[in-house]
C-alpha atoms as a PDB file:
ATOM      1  CA  MET A   1      59.742  84.485  53.313  1.00  0.00           C
ATOM      2  CA  THR A   2      62.113  84.710  56.236  1.00  0.00           C
ATOM      3  CA  PHE A   3      62.785  82.189  58.962  1.00  0.00           C
ATOM      4  CA  ASP A   4      61.128  84.493  61.515  1.00  0.00           C
ATOM      5  CA  ALA A   5      57.905  84.547  59.472  1.00  0.00           C
ATOM      6  CA  LEU A   6      57.702  80.747  59.621  1.00  0.00           C
ATOM      7  CA  PHE A   7      57.653  80.761  63.423  1.00  0.00           C
ATOM      8  CA  ASP A   8      56.190  84.170  64.368  1.00  0.00           C
ATOM      9  CA  SER A   9      53.032  82.665  65.927  1.00  0.00           C
ATOM     10  CA  PRO A  10      52.068  79.254  67.265  1.00  0.00           C
ATOM     11  CA  ALA A  11      49.729  78.699  64.296  1.00  0.00           C
ATOM     12  CA  SER A  12      52.414  79.443  61.725  1.00  0.00           C
ATOM     13  CA  ALA A  13      54.895  77.256  63.618  1.00  0.00           C
ATOM     14  CA  ALA A  14      52.354  74.399  63.587  1.00  0.00           C
ATOM     15  CA  GLN A  15      51.840  74.936  59.845  1.00  0.00           C
ATOM     16  CA  THR A  16      55.590  74.831  59.205  1.00  0.00           C
ATOM     17  CA  VAL A  17      56.177  71.725  61.305  1.00  0.00           C
ATOM     18  CA  SER A  18      53.167  69.986  59.747  1.00  0.00           C
ATOM     19  CA  TRP A  19      54.527  70.611  56.236  1.00  0.00           C
ATOM     20  CA  ILE A  20      57.908  69.229  57.315  1.00  0.00           C
ATOM     21  CA  ALA A  21      56.228  66.107  58.760  1.00  0.00           C
ATOM     22  CA  THR A  22      54.178  65.698  55.586  1.00  0.00           C
ATOM     23  CA  GLY A  23      57.294  65.960  53.428  1.00  0.00           C
ATOM     24  CA  ILE A  24      59.205  63.419  55.520  1.00  0.00           C
ATOM     25  CA  GLY A  25      56.208  61.058  55.508  1.00  0.00           C
ATOM     26  CA  LEU A  26      55.818  61.311  51.741  1.00  0.00           C
ATOM     27  CA  GLY A  27      59.549  60.751  51.327  1.00  0.00           C
ATOM     28  CA  MET A  28      59.442  57.618  53.495  1.00  0.00           C
ATOM     29  CA  TRP A  29      56.446  56.302  51.589  1.00  0.00           C
ATOM     30  CA  LEU A  30      58.120  56.910  48.212  1.00  0.00           C
ATOM     31  CA  TRP A  31      61.387  55.369  49.443  1.00  0.00           C
ATOM     32  CA  SER A  32      59.500  52.215  50.420  1.00  0.00           C
ATOM     33  CA  TRP A  33      58.039  51.897  46.919  1.00  0.00           C
ATOM     34  CA  LEU A  34      61.077  52.871  44.850  1.00  0.00           C
ATOM     35  CA  VAL A  35      64.225  51.843  46.745  1.00  0.00           C
ATOM     36  CA  GLU A  36      63.703  49.423  49.638  1.00  0.00           C
ATOM     37  CA  LYS A  37      63.921  45.689  48.860  1.00  0.00           C
ATOM     38  CA  ASN A  38      63.344  44.085  52.292  1.00  0.00           C
ATOM     39  CA  ALA A  39      59.611  43.321  52.644  1.00  0.00           C
ATOM     40  CA  ILE A  40      59.363  44.028  56.388  1.00  0.00           C
ATOM     41  CA  GLN A  41      61.364  47.250  56.050  1.00  0.00           C
ATOM     42  CA  LYS A  42      59.097  48.308  53.160  1.00  0.00           C
ATOM     43  CA  LEU A  43      56.032  47.792  55.312  1.00  0.00           C
ATOM     44  CA  ARG A  44      57.552  49.683  58.237  1.00  0.00           C
ATOM     45  CA  LEU A  45      58.593  52.617  56.015  1.00  0.00           C
ATOM     46  CA  ARG A  46      55.093  52.803  54.528  1.00  0.00           C
ATOM     47  CA  ASP A  47      53.494  52.723  57.957  1.00  0.00           C
ATOM     48  CA  CYS A  48      55.803  55.424  59.351  1.00  0.00           C
ATOM     49  CA  GLY A  49      55.152  57.501  56.248  1.00  0.00           C
ATOM     50  CA  VAL A  50      51.379  57.146  56.619  1.00  0.00           C
ATOM     51  CA  VAL A  51      51.525  58.198  60.281  1.00  0.00           C
ATOM     52  CA  LEU A  52      53.603  61.300  59.512  1.00  0.00           C
ATOM     53  CA  LEU A  53      51.564  62.173  56.426  1.00  0.00           C
ATOM     54  CA  PHE A  54      48.190  62.005  58.155  1.00  0.00           C
ATOM     55  CA  ALA A  55      49.502  63.673  61.326  1.00  0.00           C
ATOM     56  CA  GLY A  56      50.755  66.608  59.255  1.00  0.00           C
ATOM     57  CA  ILE A  57      47.457  66.908  57.397  1.00  0.00           C
ATOM     58  CA  LEU A  58      45.436  66.708  60.615  1.00  0.00           C
ATOM     59  CA  ALA A  59      47.619  69.381  62.238  1.00  0.00           C
ATOM     60  CA  ARG A  60      46.980  71.726  59.304  1.00  0.00           C
ATOM     61  CA  ILE A  61      43.241  71.076  59.535  1.00  0.00           C
ATOM     62  CA  VAL A  62      43.274  71.954  63.235  1.00  0.00           C
ATOM     63  CA  VAL A  63      45.084  75.279  62.793  1.00  0.00           C
ATOM     64  CA  GLN A  64      43.383  76.443  59.611  1.00  0.00           C
ATOM     65  CA  GLU A  65      41.426  79.670  59.801  1.00  0.00           C
ATOM     66  CA  ARG A  66      38.683  78.838  57.297  1.00  0.00           C
ATOM     67  CA  ALA A  67      35.606  76.696  57.761  1.00  0.00           C
ATOM     68  CA  MET A  68      36.047  72.960  57.351  1.00  0.00           C
ATOM     69  CA  THR A  69      35.137  71.486  53.972  1.00  0.00           C
ATOM     70  CA  PRO A  70      33.673  68.002  53.439  1.00  0.00           C
ATOM     71  CA  PHE A  71      37.191  66.820  52.516  1.00  0.00           C
ATOM     72  CA  ASP A  72      38.497  68.151  55.855  1.00  0.00           C
ATOM     73  CA  TRP A  73      35.741  66.297  57.705  1.00  0.00           C
ATOM     74  CA  ALA A  74      36.491  63.078  55.824  1.00  0.00           C
ATOM     75  CA  ILE A  75      40.216  63.317  56.599  1.00  0.00           C
ATOM     76  CA  SER A  76      39.433  64.184  60.227  1.00  0.00           C
ATOM     77  CA  LEU A  77      37.376  61.008  60.561  1.00  0.00           C
ATOM     78  CA  LEU A  78      39.483  58.636  58.438  1.00  0.00           C
ATOM     79  CA  GLY A  79      42.952  59.949  59.355  1.00  0.00           C
ATOM     80  CA  PRO A  80      42.988  58.593  62.914  1.00  0.00           C
ATOM     81  CA  LEU A  81      41.845  55.191  61.605  1.00  0.00           C
ATOM     82  CA  PHE A  82      44.772  55.031  59.179  1.00  0.00           C
ATOM     83  CA  ILE A  83      47.176  56.252  61.872  1.00  0.00           C
ATOM     84  CA  GLY A  84      45.893  53.650  64.325  1.00  0.00           C
ATOM     85  CA  ALA A  85      46.153  50.839  61.769  1.00  0.00           C
ATOM     86  CA  ALA A  86      49.690  51.871  60.814  1.00  0.00           C
ATOM     87  CA  LEU A  87      50.785  52.067  64.461  1.00  0.00           C
ATOM     88  CA  TRP A  88      49.251  48.647  65.145  1.00  0.00           C
ATOM     89  CA  ARG A  89      51.133  47.151  62.190  1.00  0.00           C
ATOM     90  CA  LEU A  90      54.338  48.857  63.306  1.00  0.00           C
ATOM     91  CA  GLY A  91      53.929  47.202  66.693  1.00  0.00           C
ATOM     92  CA  ARG A  92      53.301  43.822  65.099  1.00  0.00           C
ATOM     93  CA  THR A  93      56.315  44.029  62.774  1.00  0.00           C
ATOM     94  CA  ALA A  94      58.559  45.294  65.598  1.00  0.00           C
ATOM     95  CA  THR A  95      57.899  42.166  67.654  1.00  0.00           C
ATOM     96  CA  ALA A  96      58.315  39.915  64.598  1.00  0.00           C
ATOM     97  CA  GLU A  97      61.626  41.579  63.730  1.00  0.00           C
ATOM     98  CA  ALA A  98      62.927  41.331  67.299  1.00  0.00           C
ATOM     99  CA  GLY A  99      62.003  37.636  67.475  1.00  0.00           C
ATOM    100  CA  ALA A 100      63.675  36.860  64.152  1.00  0.00           C
ATOM    101  CA  GLY A 101      67.043  38.140  65.363  1.00  0.00           C
ATOM    102  CA  GLN A 102      67.225  35.797  68.378  1.00  0.00           C
END
């Protein structure tokens, strides 16, 4: 597969970018479990990973050319809830981290 084939149409570009986001999100999530020692940083890495992971999956569901399966419907309904919860926790830990440094 060539580089041009990955970005020859908007749908294939969205697929490529969504796989990249999914890979980065999974990497952040694994890093938080296996390497990171700071509890707040672990939580933030997991939340960022969850946001990227679900965003990538939702993007692939949107651009797919087949009919949606029950799994696709479940992810479409639950994904935004997980993204919202992770973003809320990221906001909470950002203010806690900023206050701790003062």
